[in-house]
Amino acid sequence: MSSRVILQPTGNKDAREHYVDTLLRPVDILRIKPFISQDEFNHLKELYPNGLVPTWGVTAGVNNVNSNKWNKIQPADVTFFSANKVLYSYGFVTYKIHNAALAQHLWDFNSKGETWEYIYFLDELRDHDIPVSLFNKIVGYSQNYLVQGFTVLDEEKSNALVGYFDLESQTAIQPVSDDEYREIVESFDLAALDIEGKSKSRAEQGFLRKTLFGNRALGTCGVCGKEYPISFLNAAHIKKRSFCTSEEKLDYKNIVMPMCKFGCDDLYEKGYITINNGQVKVNDKIITEPLNNYLNSIEGRECEYWNKSTFKYFEWHRNHHFVSNI
């Protein structure tokens, strides 16, 4: 259920070249297309609408040691790239495929006649600067440990590192099944601040975001109707989560809607707007000119998420969280 941490050393010549050639300079999706199925291409196109795909891969390794580790990788896992005793950048896994022909096209073969056929794609690649000595302290390794091979950390060590740096993807969505979501809802107190609580919170949000956005990288705010990258949209509860019963939380197809971080989510949360009879209704609790301009731009808009299944949740918000100016 938790995101795993992947360690990827880049000290040798091949790895350094691959880092520049297919990560810093993402691969054009049209280069990938001839080597994959139409379904795989459609999936990548949803994940990377700009057509630029940061791509990495590993060889099978001796006795398939790397391929066995690669099998553990899932979307929203965090990959750290390391060299010279520093974890110098990280990115989030979005998707993976086993494809020797694509690997050969991108990277050719190494000196042993192997290619990096166990491929995974990344997003949100960012520079970082974590000394391996600090990493060792966080996860409980010996101070003498060096990142020397492709590694997938276990859940405990992954949680320690993810929690320490508060790492969370804004686009890649962790896979969570219906049964796992039910277990989270029935056992999880959102107020918990420990590592396990944060992990479950990320998993719950991931499930709700997957419900709303699927594999798309773009989405539309349910209030203002504007399209944004999904990193700028929240899976917002129509009825305040802390007041939802367990049964209502499990009604995940109706209890949440996308709201943008550019104002709509905050305005709804603070009771400046609500949805009444399918339209955005506003009030004038405390108004400044910029706020008034924003409210005027969304007042009366039709909300496509208002229907007979969501009606009761919008009614709760209107009756309990919205101060009418009438």
C-alpha atoms as a PDB file:
ATOM      1  CA  MET A   1       0.000   0.000   0.000  1.00  0.00           C
ATOM      2  CA  SER A   2       2.883   2.382   0.756  1.00  0.00           C
ATOM      3  CA  SER A   3       5.097   3.956  -1.871  1.00  0.00           C
ATOM      4  CA  ARG A   4       8.463   2.228  -2.134  1.00  0.00           C
ATOM      5  CA  VAL A   5      11.825   3.951  -2.507  1.00  0.00           C
ATOM      6  CA  ILE A   6      14.063   2.861  -5.384  1.00  0.00           C
ATOM      7  CA  LEU A   7      17.803   3.507  -5.305  1.00  0.00           C
ATOM      8  CA  GLN A   8      19.416   3.898  -8.706  1.00  0.00           C
ATOM      9  CA  PRO A   9      23.201   4.442  -8.816  1.00  0.00           C
ATOM     10  CA  THR A  10      24.535   6.345 -11.823  1.00  0.00           C
ATOM     11  CA  GLY A  11      28.263   6.159 -11.278  1.00  0.00           C
ATOM     12  CA  ASN A  12      29.234   4.273 -14.437  1.00  0.00           C
ATOM     13  CA  LYS A  13      29.494   5.727 -17.941  1.00  0.00           C
ATOM     14  CA  ASP A  14      26.342   4.055 -19.317  1.00  0.00           C
ATOM     15  CA  ALA A  15      24.168   5.284 -16.447  1.00  0.00           C
ATOM     16  CA  ARG A  16      25.491   8.845 -16.663  1.00  0.00           C
ATOM     17  CA  GLU A  17      24.755   8.937 -20.396  1.00  0.00           C
ATOM     18  CA  HIS A  18      21.277   7.451 -19.957  1.00  0.00           C
ATOM     19  CA  TYR A  19      20.462   9.989 -17.248  1.00  0.00           C
ATOM     20  CA  VAL A  20      21.179  12.831 -19.661  1.00  0.00           C
ATOM     21  CA  ASP A  21      19.791  11.211 -22.824  1.00  0.00           C
ATOM     22  CA  THR A  22      16.426   9.915 -21.593  1.00  0.00           C
ATOM     23  CA  LEU A  23      15.714  11.667 -18.286  1.00  0.00           C
ATOM     24  CA  LEU A  24      17.086  15.198 -18.469  1.00  0.00           C
ATOM     25  CA  ARG A  25      16.113  15.105 -22.149  1.00  0.00           C
ATOM     26  CA  PRO A  26      12.852  13.127 -22.036  1.00  0.00           C
ATOM     27  CA  VAL A  27      12.087  10.766 -24.908  1.00  0.00           C
ATOM     28  CA  ASP A  28       9.649  11.912 -27.594  1.00  0.00           C
ATOM     29  CA  ILE A  29       6.642   9.606 -27.342  1.00  0.00           C
ATOM     30  CA  LEU A  30       6.722   9.134 -31.119  1.00  0.00           C
ATOM     31  CA  ARG A  31      10.106   7.383 -30.745  1.00  0.00           C
ATOM     32  CA  ILE A  32       8.475   4.961 -28.318  1.00  0.00           C
ATOM     33  CA  LYS A  33       5.290   4.343 -30.302  1.00  0.00           C
ATOM     34  CA  PRO A  34       6.631   1.794 -32.859  1.00  0.00           C
ATOM     35  CA  PHE A  35       7.803  -0.519 -30.068  1.00  0.00           C
ATOM     36  CA  ILE A  36       4.684  -0.682 -27.893  1.00  0.00           C
ATOM     37  CA  SER A  37       1.045  -1.685 -28.203  1.00  0.00           C
ATOM     38  CA  GLN A  38      -1.722   0.807 -28.942  1.00  0.00           C
ATOM     39  CA  ASP A  39      -3.058   0.417 -25.383  1.00  0.00           C
ATOM     40  CA  GLU A  40       0.395   1.149 -23.948  1.00  0.00           C
ATOM     41  CA  PHE A  41       0.751   4.160 -26.231  1.00  0.00           C
ATOM     42  CA  ASN A  42      -2.672   5.493 -25.202  1.00  0.00           C
ATOM     43  CA  HIS A  43      -1.731   5.046 -21.549  1.00  0.00           C
ATOM     44  CA  LEU A  44       1.521   6.984 -21.989  1.00  0.00           C
ATOM     45  CA  LYS A  45      -0.276   9.685 -23.948  1.00  0.00           C
ATOM     46  CA  GLU A  46      -2.640  10.212 -21.019  1.00  0.00           C
ATOM     47  CA  LEU A  47       0.280  10.357 -18.595  1.00  0.00           C
ATOM     48  CA  TYR A  48       2.391  12.667 -20.782  1.00  0.00           C
ATOM     49  CA  PRO A  49       0.103  14.899 -22.869  1.00  0.00           C
ATOM     50  CA  ASN A  50       3.090  17.022 -23.920  1.00  0.00           C
ATOM     51  CA  GLY A  51       4.599  13.922 -25.558  1.00  0.00           C
ATOM     52  CA  LEU A  52       7.860  14.013 -23.556  1.00  0.00           C
ATOM     53  CA  VAL A  53       8.499  10.866 -21.511  1.00  0.00           C
ATOM     54  CA  PRO A  54      11.340  10.627 -18.929  1.00  0.00           C
ATOM     55  CA  THR A  55      12.517   7.029 -19.333  1.00  0.00           C
ATOM     56  CA  TRP A  56      14.796   4.694 -17.376  1.00  0.00           C
ATOM     57  CA  GLY A  57      15.596   1.006 -17.474  1.00  0.00           C
ATOM     58  CA  VAL A  58      17.637  -1.739 -15.841  1.00  0.00           C
ATOM     59  CA  THR A  59      19.139  -4.959 -17.147  1.00  0.00           C
ATOM     60  CA  ALA A  60      17.867  -8.331 -15.926  1.00  0.00           C
ATOM     61  CA  GLY A  61      20.976  -8.715 -13.754  1.00  0.00           C
ATOM     62  CA  VAL A  62      22.707 -11.899 -12.638  1.00  0.00           C
ATOM     63  CA  ASN A  63      20.111 -14.625 -12.027  1.00  0.00           C
ATOM     64  CA  ASN A  64      17.416 -12.018 -12.798  1.00  0.00           C
ATOM     65  CA  VAL A  65      18.137 -10.165  -9.565  1.00  0.00           C
ATOM     66  CA  ASN A  66      17.197  -6.786 -11.092  1.00  0.00           C
ATOM     67  CA  SER A  67      14.101  -8.020 -12.898  1.00  0.00           C
ATOM     68  CA  ASN A  68      12.818  -9.493  -9.620  1.00  0.00           C
ATOM     69  CA  LYS A  69      13.271  -6.107  -7.951  1.00  0.00           C
ATOM     70  CA  TRP A  70      11.690  -4.325 -10.928  1.00  0.00           C
ATOM     71  CA  ASN A  71       8.595  -6.510 -10.497  1.00  0.00           C
ATOM     72  CA  LYS A  72       8.003  -4.806  -7.126  1.00  0.00           C
ATOM     73  CA  ILE A  73       7.842  -1.311  -8.626  1.00  0.00           C
ATOM     74  CA  GLN A  74       4.464   0.448  -8.757  1.00  0.00           C
ATOM     75  CA  PRO A  75       3.203   3.906  -9.766  1.00  0.00           C
ATOM     76  CA  ALA A  76       3.998   6.657  -7.214  1.00  0.00           C
ATOM     77  CA  ASP A  77       7.156   4.866  -6.024  1.00  0.00           C
ATOM     78  CA  VAL A  78      10.084   7.271  -5.579  1.00  0.00           C
ATOM     79  CA  THR A  79      13.356   6.746  -7.462  1.00  0.00           C
ATOM     80  CA  PHE A  80      16.500   8.366  -6.070  1.00  0.00           C
ATOM     81  CA  PHE A  81      19.499   8.710  -8.369  1.00  0.00           C
ATOM     82  CA  SER A  82      22.898   8.652  -6.712  1.00  0.00           C
ATOM     83  CA  ALA A  83      26.562   9.277  -7.454  1.00  0.00           C
ATOM     84  CA  ASN A  84      29.591  10.412  -5.447  1.00  0.00           C
ATOM     85  CA  LYS A  85      27.958   9.508  -2.106  1.00  0.00           C
ATOM     86  CA  VAL A  86      24.986  11.806  -2.723  1.00  0.00           C
ATOM     87  CA  LEU A  87      21.351  11.168  -3.665  1.00  0.00           C
ATOM     88  CA  TYR A  88      21.244  14.025  -6.129  1.00  0.00           C
ATOM     89  CA  SER A  89      17.782  13.823  -7.688  1.00  0.00           C
ATOM     90  CA  TYR A  90      14.493  11.956  -7.479  1.00  0.00           C
ATOM     91  CA  GLY A  91      11.351  11.363  -9.495  1.00  0.00           C
ATOM     92  CA  PHE A  92       8.108   9.420  -9.224  1.00  0.00           C
ATOM     93  CA  VAL A  93       7.307   6.259 -11.169  1.00  0.00           C
ATOM     94  CA  THR A  94       4.269   6.510 -13.426  1.00  0.00           C
ATOM     95  CA  TYR A  95       4.310   3.269 -15.434  1.00  0.00           C
ATOM     96  CA  LYS A  96       6.553   0.349 -16.405  1.00  0.00           C
ATOM     97  CA  ILE A  97       6.934  -2.063 -19.322  1.00  0.00           C
ATOM     98  CA  HIS A  98       9.259  -4.959 -20.173  1.00  0.00           C
ATOM     99  CA  ASN A  99      10.437  -4.239 -23.697  1.00  0.00           C
ATOM    100  CA  ALA A 100      13.852  -5.297 -24.982  1.00  0.00           C
ATOM    101  CA  ALA A 101      13.328  -3.839 -28.461  1.00  0.00           C
ATOM    102  CA  LEU A 102      12.549  -0.372 -27.068  1.00  0.00           C
ATOM    103  CA  ALA A 103      15.529  -0.566 -24.713  1.00  0.00           C
ATOM    104  CA  GLN A 104      17.826  -1.495 -27.589  1.00  0.00           C
ATOM    105  CA  HIS A 105      16.509   1.426 -29.619  1.00  0.00           C
ATOM    106  CA  LEU A 106      17.057   3.877 -26.773  1.00  0.00           C
ATOM    107  CA  TRP A 107      20.290   2.616 -25.238  1.00  0.00           C
ATOM    108  CA  ASP A 108      21.761  -0.157 -27.438  1.00  0.00           C
ATOM    109  CA  PHE A 109      23.682  -2.866 -25.492  1.00  0.00           C
ATOM    110  CA  ASN A 110      26.249  -2.835 -22.710  1.00  0.00           C
ATOM    111  CA  SER A 111      29.649  -4.534 -22.865  1.00  0.00           C
ATOM    112  CA  LYS A 112      28.072  -7.834 -21.756  1.00  0.00           C
ATOM    113  CA  GLY A 113      25.552  -7.804 -24.586  1.00  0.00           C
ATOM    114  CA  GLU A 114      22.667  -6.868 -22.270  1.00  0.00           C
ATOM    115  CA  THR A 115      20.120  -4.129 -22.744  1.00  0.00           C
ATOM    116  CA  TRP A 116      18.138  -2.183 -20.140  1.00  0.00           C
ATOM    117  CA  GLU A 117      14.869  -3.900 -21.018  1.00  0.00           C
ATOM    118  CA  TYR A 118      13.095  -3.556 -17.650  1.00  0.00           C
ATOM    119  CA  ILE A 119      11.832  -0.061 -18.299  1.00  0.00           C
ATOM    120  CA  TYR A 120      10.019   2.376 -16.069  1.00  0.00           C
ATOM    121  CA  PHE A 121       8.837   5.906 -16.730  1.00  0.00           C
ATOM    122  CA  LEU A 122       9.125   8.857 -14.354  1.00  0.00           C
ATOM    123  CA  ASP A 123       7.667  12.295 -13.721  1.00  0.00           C
ATOM    124  CA  GLU A 124       8.331  15.297 -11.450  1.00  0.00           C
ATOM    125  CA  LEU A 125      12.095  14.829 -11.651  1.00  0.00           C
ATOM    126  CA  ARG A 126      13.732  17.192  -9.172  1.00  0.00           C
ATOM    127  CA  ASP A 127      17.235  17.936  -7.980  1.00  0.00           C
ATOM    128  CA  HIS A 128      17.996  17.054  -4.389  1.00  0.00           C
ATOM    129  CA  ASP A 129      21.115  16.915  -2.222  1.00  0.00           C
ATOM    130  CA  ILE A 130      21.004  14.114   0.334  1.00  0.00           C
ATOM    131  CA  PRO A 131      24.374  12.808   1.555  1.00  0.00           C
ATOM    132  CA  VAL A 132      24.382   9.004   1.679  1.00  0.00           C
ATOM    133  CA  SER A 133      25.481   9.349   5.313  1.00  0.00           C
ATOM    134  CA  LEU A 134      22.162  11.095   6.120  1.00  0.00           C
ATOM    135  CA  PHE A 135      20.225   8.525   4.100  1.00  0.00           C
ATOM    136  CA  ASN A 136      21.913   5.738   6.094  1.00  0.00           C
ATOM    137  CA  LYS A 137      20.921   7.392   9.367  1.00  0.00           C
ATOM    138  CA  ILE A 138      17.291   7.823   8.300  1.00  0.00           C
ATOM    139  CA  VAL A 139      16.762   4.228   7.169  1.00  0.00           C
ATOM    140  CA  GLY A 140      19.009   2.604   9.796  1.00  0.00           C
ATOM    141  CA  TYR A 141      21.847   1.425   7.579  1.00  0.00           C
ATOM    142  CA  SER A 142      25.499   1.264   8.597  1.00  0.00           C
ATOM    143  CA  GLN A 143      27.356   4.518   8.038  1.00  0.00           C
ATOM    144  CA  ASN A 144      29.629   2.603   5.671  1.00  0.00           C
ATOM    145  CA  TYR A 145      26.787   1.654   3.292  1.00  0.00           C
ATOM    146  CA  LEU A 146      27.174   2.853  -0.297  1.00  0.00           C
ATOM    147  CA  VAL A 147      24.559   2.740  -3.049  1.00  0.00           C
ATOM    148  CA  GLN A 148      26.158   0.270  -5.436  1.00  0.00           C
ATOM    149  CA  GLY A 149      23.257  -1.425  -7.192  1.00  0.00           C
ATOM    150  CA  PHE A 150      19.638  -1.073  -8.244  1.00  0.00           C
ATOM    151  CA  THR A 151      17.659  -1.496  -5.009  1.00  0.00           C
ATOM    152  CA  VAL A 152      14.021  -1.393  -3.922  1.00  0.00           C
ATOM    153  CA  LEU A 153      13.761  -0.632  -0.211  1.00  0.00           C
ATOM    154  CA  ASP A 154      11.308  -2.474   2.007  1.00  0.00           C
ATOM    155  CA  GLU A 155       8.191  -0.754   3.315  1.00  0.00           C
ATOM    156  CA  GLU A 156       9.639   0.287   6.672  1.00  0.00           C
ATOM    157  CA  LYS A 157      12.749   1.932   5.200  1.00  0.00           C
ATOM    158  CA  SER A 158      10.741   3.493   2.384  1.00  0.00           C
ATOM    159  CA  ASN A 159       8.257   5.003   4.853  1.00  0.00           C
ATOM    160  CA  ALA A 160      11.114   6.401   6.920  1.00  0.00           C
ATOM    161  CA  LEU A 161      12.654   8.208   3.941  1.00  0.00           C
ATOM    162  CA  VAL A 162       9.379   9.359   2.394  1.00  0.00           C
ATOM    163  CA  GLY A 163       8.164  10.610   5.779  1.00  0.00           C
ATOM    164  CA  TYR A 164      11.432  12.386   6.627  1.00  0.00           C
ATOM    165  CA  PHE A 165      11.385  14.452   3.431  1.00  0.00           C
ATOM    166  CA  ASP A 166       7.570  14.535   3.108  1.00  0.00           C
ATOM    167  CA  LEU A 167       7.729  13.234  -0.458  1.00  0.00           C
ATOM    168  CA  GLU A 168       4.443  12.947  -2.304  1.00  0.00           C
ATOM    169  CA  SER A 169       3.748  12.869  -6.017  1.00  0.00           C
ATOM    170  CA  GLN A 170       1.345  15.421  -7.421  1.00  0.00           C
ATOM    171  CA  THR A 171       0.697  13.393 -10.577  1.00  0.00           C
ATOM    172  CA  ALA A 172       1.588   9.714 -10.142  1.00  0.00           C
ATOM    173  CA  ILE A 173      -1.146   7.818  -8.330  1.00  0.00           C
ATOM    174  CA  GLN A 174      -0.481   4.887  -6.023  1.00  0.00           C
ATOM    175  CA  PRO A 175      -2.611   1.840  -6.895  1.00  0.00           C
ATOM    176  CA  VAL A 176      -5.109   1.028  -4.143  1.00  0.00           C
ATOM    177  CA  SER A 177      -7.811  -1.622  -4.468  1.00  0.00           C
ATOM    178  CA  ASP A 178     -11.433  -1.235  -3.335  1.00  0.00           C
ATOM    179  CA  ASP A 179     -10.741  -3.608  -0.431  1.00  0.00           C
ATOM    180  CA  GLU A 180      -7.654  -1.647   0.647  1.00  0.00           C
ATOM    181  CA  TYR A 181      -9.622   1.594   0.517  1.00  0.00           C
ATOM    182  CA  ARG A 182     -12.348   0.034   2.672  1.00  0.00           C
ATOM    183  CA  GLU A 183      -9.715  -1.055   5.216  1.00  0.00           C
ATOM    184  CA  ILE A 184      -8.313   2.493   5.296  1.00  0.00           C
ATOM    185  CA  VAL A 185     -11.738   4.048   5.833  1.00  0.00           C
ATOM    186  CA  GLU A 186     -12.661   1.615   8.596  1.00  0.00           C
ATOM    187  CA  SER A 187      -9.373   1.751  10.513  1.00  0.00           C
ATOM    188  CA  PHE A 188      -7.759   5.096   9.820  1.00  0.00           C
ATOM    189  CA  ASP A 189      -7.940   8.286  11.852  1.00  0.00           C
ATOM    190  CA  LEU A 190      -6.924  11.154   9.557  1.00  0.00           C
ATOM    191  CA  ALA A 191      -5.687  13.085  12.570  1.00  0.00           C
ATOM    192  CA  ALA A 192      -2.915  10.527  13.126  1.00  0.00           C
ATOM    193  CA  LEU A 193       0.455  12.140  12.474  1.00  0.00           C
ATOM    194  CA  ASP A 194       2.700   9.073  12.650  1.00  0.00           C
ATOM    195  CA  ILE A 195       4.335   7.462   9.611  1.00  0.00           C
ATOM    196  CA  GLU A 196       1.590   4.866   9.261  1.00  0.00           C
ATOM    197  CA  GLY A 197      -1.095   7.558   9.421  1.00  0.00           C
ATOM    198  CA  LYS A 198       0.603   9.662   6.747  1.00  0.00           C
ATOM    199  CA  SER A 199       1.035   6.584   4.560  1.00  0.00           C
ATOM    200  CA  LYS A 200      -2.667   5.731   4.812  1.00  0.00           C
ATOM    201  CA  SER A 201      -3.595   9.346   4.119  1.00  0.00           C
ATOM    202  CA  ARG A 202      -1.530   9.290   0.906  1.00  0.00           C
ATOM    203  CA  ALA A 203      -3.094   5.974  -0.082  1.00  0.00           C
ATOM    204  CA  GLU A 204      -6.616   7.277   0.514  1.00  0.00           C
ATOM    205  CA  GLN A 205      -5.995  10.424  -1.510  1.00  0.00           C
ATOM    206  CA  GLY A 206      -4.386   8.333  -4.235  1.00  0.00           C
ATOM    207  CA  PHE A 207      -7.470   6.131  -4.465  1.00  0.00           C
ATOM    208  CA  LEU A 208      -9.795   9.124  -4.670  1.00  0.00           C
ATOM    209  CA  ARG A 209      -7.613  10.852  -7.264  1.00  0.00           C
ATOM    210  CA  LYS A 210      -7.516   7.668  -9.329  1.00  0.00           C
ATOM    211  CA  THR A 211     -11.322   7.572  -9.180  1.00  0.00           C
ATOM    212  CA  LEU A 212     -11.563  11.155 -10.445  1.00  0.00           C
ATOM    213  CA  PHE A 213      -8.705  11.372 -12.925  1.00  0.00           C
ATOM    214  CA  GLY A 214      -7.822   7.819 -13.986  1.00  0.00           C
ATOM    215  CA  ASN A 215      -4.493   8.018 -15.832  1.00  0.00           C
ATOM    216  CA  ARG A 216      -5.044  11.524 -17.182  1.00  0.00           C
ATOM    217  CA  ALA A 217      -2.496  14.253 -16.539  1.00  0.00           C
ATOM    218  CA  LEU A 218      -5.105  16.994 -17.039  1.00  0.00           C
ATOM    219  CA  GLY A 219      -8.437  17.532 -15.323  1.00  0.00           C
ATOM    220  CA  THR A 220     -11.227  20.095 -14.995  1.00  0.00           C
ATOM    221  CA  CYS A 221     -12.237  21.912 -11.814  1.00  0.00           C
ATOM    222  CA  GLY A 222     -15.813  21.050 -10.885  1.00  0.00           C
ATOM    223  CA  VAL A 223     -16.509  24.654  -9.806  1.00  0.00           C
ATOM    224  CA  CYS A 224     -14.848  27.087 -12.242  1.00  0.00           C
ATOM    225  CA  GLY A 225     -14.747  24.607 -15.133  1.00  0.00           C
ATOM    226  CA  LYS A 226     -11.120  25.409 -16.049  1.00  0.00           C
ATOM    227  CA  GLU A 227      -8.674  22.703 -17.129  1.00  0.00           C
ATOM    228  CA  TYR A 228      -5.417  22.260 -15.208  1.00  0.00           C
ATOM    229  CA  PRO A 229      -2.682  19.660 -14.727  1.00  0.00           C
ATOM    230  CA  ILE A 230      -4.016  17.358 -12.016  1.00  0.00           C
ATOM    231  CA  SER A 231      -1.235  18.516  -9.687  1.00  0.00           C
ATOM    232  CA  PHE A 232      -3.304  21.737  -9.375  1.00  0.00           C
ATOM    233  CA  LEU A 233      -6.535  19.896  -8.556  1.00  0.00           C
ATOM    234  CA  ASN A 234      -7.589  18.382  -5.238  1.00  0.00           C
ATOM    235  CA  ALA A 235      -9.886  15.404  -4.755  1.00  0.00           C
ATOM    236  CA  ALA A 236     -12.120  17.496  -2.510  1.00  0.00           C
ATOM    237  CA  HIS A 237     -14.873  16.079  -0.328  1.00  0.00           C
ATOM    238  CA  ILE A 238     -18.264  17.600  -1.141  1.00  0.00           C
ATOM    239  CA  LYS A 239     -19.318  16.971   2.452  1.00  0.00           C
ATOM    240  CA  LYS A 240     -16.522  17.675   4.925  1.00  0.00           C
ATOM    241  CA  ARG A 241     -14.633  14.409   5.430  1.00  0.00           C
ATOM    242  CA  SER A 242     -14.547  14.607   9.223  1.00  0.00           C
ATOM    243  CA  PHE A 243     -18.371  14.673   9.279  1.00  0.00           C
ATOM    244  CA  CYS A 244     -18.808  11.762   6.859  1.00  0.00           C
ATOM    245  CA  THR A 245     -19.903   8.387   8.175  1.00  0.00           C
ATOM    246  CA  SER A 246     -17.912   5.323   7.129  1.00  0.00           C
ATOM    247  CA  GLU A 247     -20.715   4.470   4.731  1.00  0.00           C
ATOM    248  CA  GLU A 248     -20.478   7.925   3.150  1.00  0.00           C
ATOM    249  CA  LYS A 249     -16.694   7.700   2.828  1.00  0.00           C
ATOM    250  CA  LEU A 250     -17.158   4.419   0.970  1.00  0.00           C
ATOM    251  CA  ASP A 251     -19.459   6.192  -1.484  1.00  0.00           C
ATOM    252  CA  TYR A 252     -16.292   7.434  -3.140  1.00  0.00           C
ATOM    253  CA  LYS A 253     -17.798   7.860  -6.612  1.00  0.00           C
ATOM    254  CA  ASN A 254     -20.148  10.531  -5.266  1.00  0.00           C
ATOM    255  CA  ILE A 255     -18.500  12.062  -2.195  1.00  0.00           C
ATOM    256  CA  VAL A 256     -15.585  13.833  -3.954  1.00  0.00           C
ATOM    257  CA  MET A 257     -15.132  16.194  -6.885  1.00  0.00           C
ATOM    258  CA  PRO A 258     -12.085  17.954  -8.396  1.00  0.00           C
ATOM    259  CA  MET A 259     -11.526  21.506  -7.169  1.00  0.00           C
ATOM    260  CA  CYS A 260      -8.630  23.697  -8.231  1.00  0.00           C
ATOM    261  CA  LYS A 261      -5.980  25.066  -5.886  1.00  0.00           C
ATOM    262  CA  PHE A 262      -6.253  28.465  -7.540  1.00  0.00           C
ATOM    263  CA  GLY A 263      -9.185  29.376  -5.331  1.00  0.00           C
ATOM    264  CA  CYS A 264     -12.198  27.139  -5.725  1.00  0.00           C
ATOM    265  CA  ASP A 265     -11.152  24.498  -3.189  1.00  0.00           C
ATOM    266  CA  ASP A 266     -10.385  27.086  -0.515  1.00  0.00           C
ATOM    267  CA  LEU A 267     -13.546  29.081  -1.234  1.00  0.00           C
ATOM    268  CA  TYR A 268     -15.686  25.952  -0.901  1.00  0.00           C
ATOM    269  CA  GLU A 269     -13.849  24.823   2.242  1.00  0.00           C
ATOM    270  CA  LYS A 270     -14.245  28.238   3.902  1.00  0.00           C
ATOM    271  CA  GLY A 271     -17.927  28.548   2.993  1.00  0.00           C
ATOM    272  CA  TYR A 272     -17.659  31.385   0.471  1.00  0.00           C
ATOM    273  CA  ILE A 273     -19.303  29.247  -2.210  1.00  0.00           C
ATOM    274  CA  THR A 274     -21.634  26.277  -2.370  1.00  0.00           C
ATOM    275  CA  ILE A 275     -23.610  24.376  -5.000  1.00  0.00           C
ATOM    276  CA  ASN A 276     -27.359  24.954  -4.920  1.00  0.00           C
ATOM    277  CA  ASN A 277     -29.689  23.329  -7.479  1.00  0.00           C
ATOM    278  CA  GLY A 278     -26.662  22.542  -9.604  1.00  0.00           C
ATOM    279  CA  GLN A 279     -25.286  26.091  -9.723  1.00  0.00           C
ATOM    280  CA  VAL A 280     -22.462  27.884  -7.931  1.00  0.00           C
ATOM    281  CA  LYS A 281     -23.859  30.186  -5.250  1.00  0.00           C
ATOM    282  CA  VAL A 282     -21.637  32.782  -3.515  1.00  0.00           C
ATOM    283  CA  ASN A 283     -21.836  34.954  -0.415  1.00  0.00           C
ATOM    284  CA  ASP A 284     -20.079  38.109   0.773  1.00  0.00           C
ATOM    285  CA  LYS A 285     -18.671  37.033   4.137  1.00  0.00           C
ATOM    286  CA  ILE A 286     -15.568  39.243   3.895  1.00  0.00           C
ATOM    287  CA  ILE A 287     -15.011  40.649   0.422  1.00  0.00           C
ATOM    288  CA  THR A 288     -12.097  42.459  -1.196  1.00  0.00           C
ATOM    289  CA  GLU A 289     -12.103  43.590  -4.794  1.00  0.00           C
ATOM    290  CA  PRO A 290      -9.914  40.721  -6.142  1.00  0.00           C
ATOM    291  CA  LEU A 291     -12.023  38.176  -4.253  1.00  0.00           C
ATOM    292  CA  ASN A 292     -15.234  39.774  -5.493  1.00  0.00           C
ATOM    293  CA  ASN A 293     -13.959  39.591  -9.081  1.00  0.00           C
ATOM    294  CA  TYR A 294     -13.194  35.895  -8.681  1.00  0.00           C
ATOM    295  CA  LEU A 295     -16.575  35.132  -7.110  1.00  0.00           C
ATOM    296  CA  ASN A 296     -18.375  37.030  -9.872  1.00  0.00           C
ATOM    297  CA  SER A 297     -16.526  34.960 -12.475  1.00  0.00           C
ATOM    298  CA  ILE A 298     -17.865  31.663 -11.095  1.00  0.00           C
ATOM    299  CA  GLU A 299     -21.277  32.660  -9.717  1.00  0.00           C
ATOM    300  CA  GLY A 300     -24.105  30.828 -11.442  1.00  0.00           C
ATOM    301  CA  ARG A 301     -21.873  28.311 -13.202  1.00  0.00           C
ATOM    302  CA  GLU A 302     -23.384  24.882 -13.744  1.00  0.00           C
ATOM    303  CA  CYS A 303     -21.705  22.103 -11.711  1.00  0.00           C
ATOM    304  CA  GLU A 304     -21.702  18.800 -13.559  1.00  0.00           C
ATOM    305  CA  TYR A 305     -21.122  16.894 -10.325  1.00  0.00           C
ATOM    306  CA  TRP A 306     -24.521  17.892  -8.920  1.00  0.00           C
ATOM    307  CA  ASN A 307     -26.952  14.998  -9.441  1.00  0.00           C
ATOM    308  CA  LYS A 308     -29.380  12.796  -7.520  1.00  0.00           C
ATOM    309  CA  SER A 309     -26.488  10.765  -6.053  1.00  0.00           C
ATOM    310  CA  THR A 310     -24.462  13.758  -4.842  1.00  0.00           C
ATOM    311  CA  PHE A 311     -27.391  16.009  -3.920  1.00  0.00           C
ATOM    312  CA  LYS A 312     -27.419  15.070  -0.219  1.00  0.00           C
ATOM    313  CA  TYR A 313     -23.722  15.887   0.173  1.00  0.00           C
ATOM    314  CA  PHE A 314     -24.076  19.305  -1.459  1.00  0.00           C
ATOM    315  CA  GLU A 315     -27.128  19.936   0.729  1.00  0.00           C
ATOM    316  CA  TRP A 316     -25.067  19.172   3.838  1.00  0.00           C
ATOM    317  CA  HIS A 317     -22.437  21.672   2.741  1.00  0.00           C
ATOM    318  CA  ARG A 318     -25.052  24.342   1.977  1.00  0.00           C
ATOM    319  CA  ASN A 319     -26.807  23.844   5.336  1.00  0.00           C
ATOM    320  CA  HIS A 320     -23.747  23.438   7.569  1.00  0.00           C
ATOM    321  CA  HIS A 321     -20.767  25.102   5.916  1.00  0.00           C
ATOM    322  CA  PHE A 322     -22.125  27.967   3.870  1.00  0.00           C
ATOM    323  CA  VAL A 323     -23.300  31.286   5.338  1.00  0.00           C
ATOM    324  CA  SER A 324     -25.956  32.644   3.029  1.00  0.00           C
ATOM    325  CA  ASN A 325     -26.041  36.363   2.304  1.00  0.00           C
ATOM    326  CA  ILE A 326     -29.803  36.234   1.843  1.00  0.00           C
END
